[in-house]
Amino acid sequence: MQRKSRWFARGIVMSALAGSVVLGIWPAGAAPTGTAAPAGPTSGQVADARALSKTFAQVAAQISPSVVRISVTKGGKATRVDPFGSDSPKQRGMGSGVVIDTLGNILTNNHVVDGALEVRVTFDSGKTVTGKVVGTDPRSDLAVVKVDGVVVKPAVMGDSDKVAVGDWVIAVGNPFGLDHTVTVGVLSARGRSGFQSGQYEDFLQTDASINPGNSGGPLVNLDGEIIGINTMVAGIGTGIGFAVPTSMARPITEALIRDHKVRRPYLGILMQDITPEIQLSLGKGAPAKGALVTEVVAGLGAERAGLLAGDVIVTVDGAGIDGSKAMQRAILGKKIGQKVGLGVWRDGKALMLGAATAEMPMDDDEGGSVGAAGQAPARPQKTLGIDLSTLSGAMAGRLGLPKGSKGAVVVGVDEDSPAAEAGVRPGDVVVEVDRKPVTTAAEAVAGLSASRNGGHLLRLRRGSSVRFLVLTAN
């Protein structure tokens, strides 16, 4: 059975299944035989509860003047039925934001204002003014909007690193257009990631109710300080919401206000985490943790340093790296043009490489995908549940791949096959089998037909990303 998920807020909604609960019911005033009637709360307990309730109310009153509703008008896209390509009707959207300084700068989500032709900002007083987008950062889903000629009350930016899992948190925003809705919960977890490829994610998780329209609003602590910017929710009513922590948002916000964009250091690699299956396929002595390099970008610091696809980065400047997110954080903490020392495992050997960072390029299009086998050349070759065809120039163009790309494109995957179980998808391009490059479907089939303990290690290109997968025959 295929599982489908959809996400709200940043375009993200997950489906959830609810279980049934059987309750015992007794006549009013009665209790089960052999049980004593429960004692009521003590006066001290009631006083404690009222004190906490009063704290929530005071925080809500403190933060609400800083929270705004952001209404946007976006241009429509060209319709397929109109041969002249005229625009479809304009679209309207809504989200939240929070004032962060006396100059009228407002922090919100990029997806709230992305593509906006007009931005209107409404305060808790009901006053509505025009806003201007100062800068956006799609990779972190943050943006800054500015209003002029309005007396504003900024909120205090707190330190998300000082909030512990289990601490009380409060979310304020405009879910479904219900202005200044206050919800309360706890910090459920930290460091959540992996929701969208190419994004910088280090989310705070909370069970404070967050819904569409909360995007861009603040998550605050009991001191009324911002500790996160609410950005998405794992399905309506699930009690699983996510916020960008202020530890990430603070420097990005400062850069957007100062430079109207974010400049980041960049080594020029794509990478992923190591699974037990991948560790086994890499060979004897392969590390269980580290950042596995899936591709090296030509002409940048990683290539100049001699880094190769299949290398595992285990340290940066002597500090241990346990995965791709740790590697990402380590490099983002460097300056553009700074040289860093990389501890690398390669084919059983430990290497030390020095690489200089460059400025990360602006986001590129993610590229296309193959949705049907009919788009590929005829007579695909089949193995282990995969239909493979040699990648042509036209197919590479449709997939958004660089000119001259070589490999075997996946044009079909059988259900319940080893390939489907491993996560292979139509549109993937096989570029290596067991660390050997392949340029045709025949080479890929030959490599996958060979007997190998522990499964075959595939290097796949998928859109703008490259990853390793282990394919094991049933």
Foldseek 3Di string as FASTA:
>chain_A
DDADFFWPQLRGAGDDDDDDDDDDDDPPPDDPPPDDDDDDDDPVVVVVVVVVVVLLVVLLVVFQQFKKKKKFKAWAFFDPVDPVRDTDDIDIAIAMWGAADQQFKIKFFCSRCPRGPWIWIAGPVRDIDTWAWLAHDNQARMTIIGDPPDGGDHAAADALVPFDFFAKKKAFWQAVNNHGDIWIWTFHDWQDDDPDPNHQDTKTKFLGFDHHRSGHTFIGHSVSHGQFGWGIAHHHPPSTTITHGCVVVVVQVVCCNVPSGDWFWAQAFFWWWADPLNQVLLDPPRDNFFTQTQDGHPPFFCVVQPHDHRKGWQDKQRHGGGTDSSVVVVRRPDDQQDKIWTFIDHSNDTDITITTIHIDDDDDDLFAFDDALVVDDPDFDDDQQWGWFWDDQVLCVNRVHDGPDFFIFTRGGDPPTLCVVQPDDGRKGWQDKSNHGDGGSVVVRVSQPDDDPSAIWTWIDHRPHIDITGGDHD
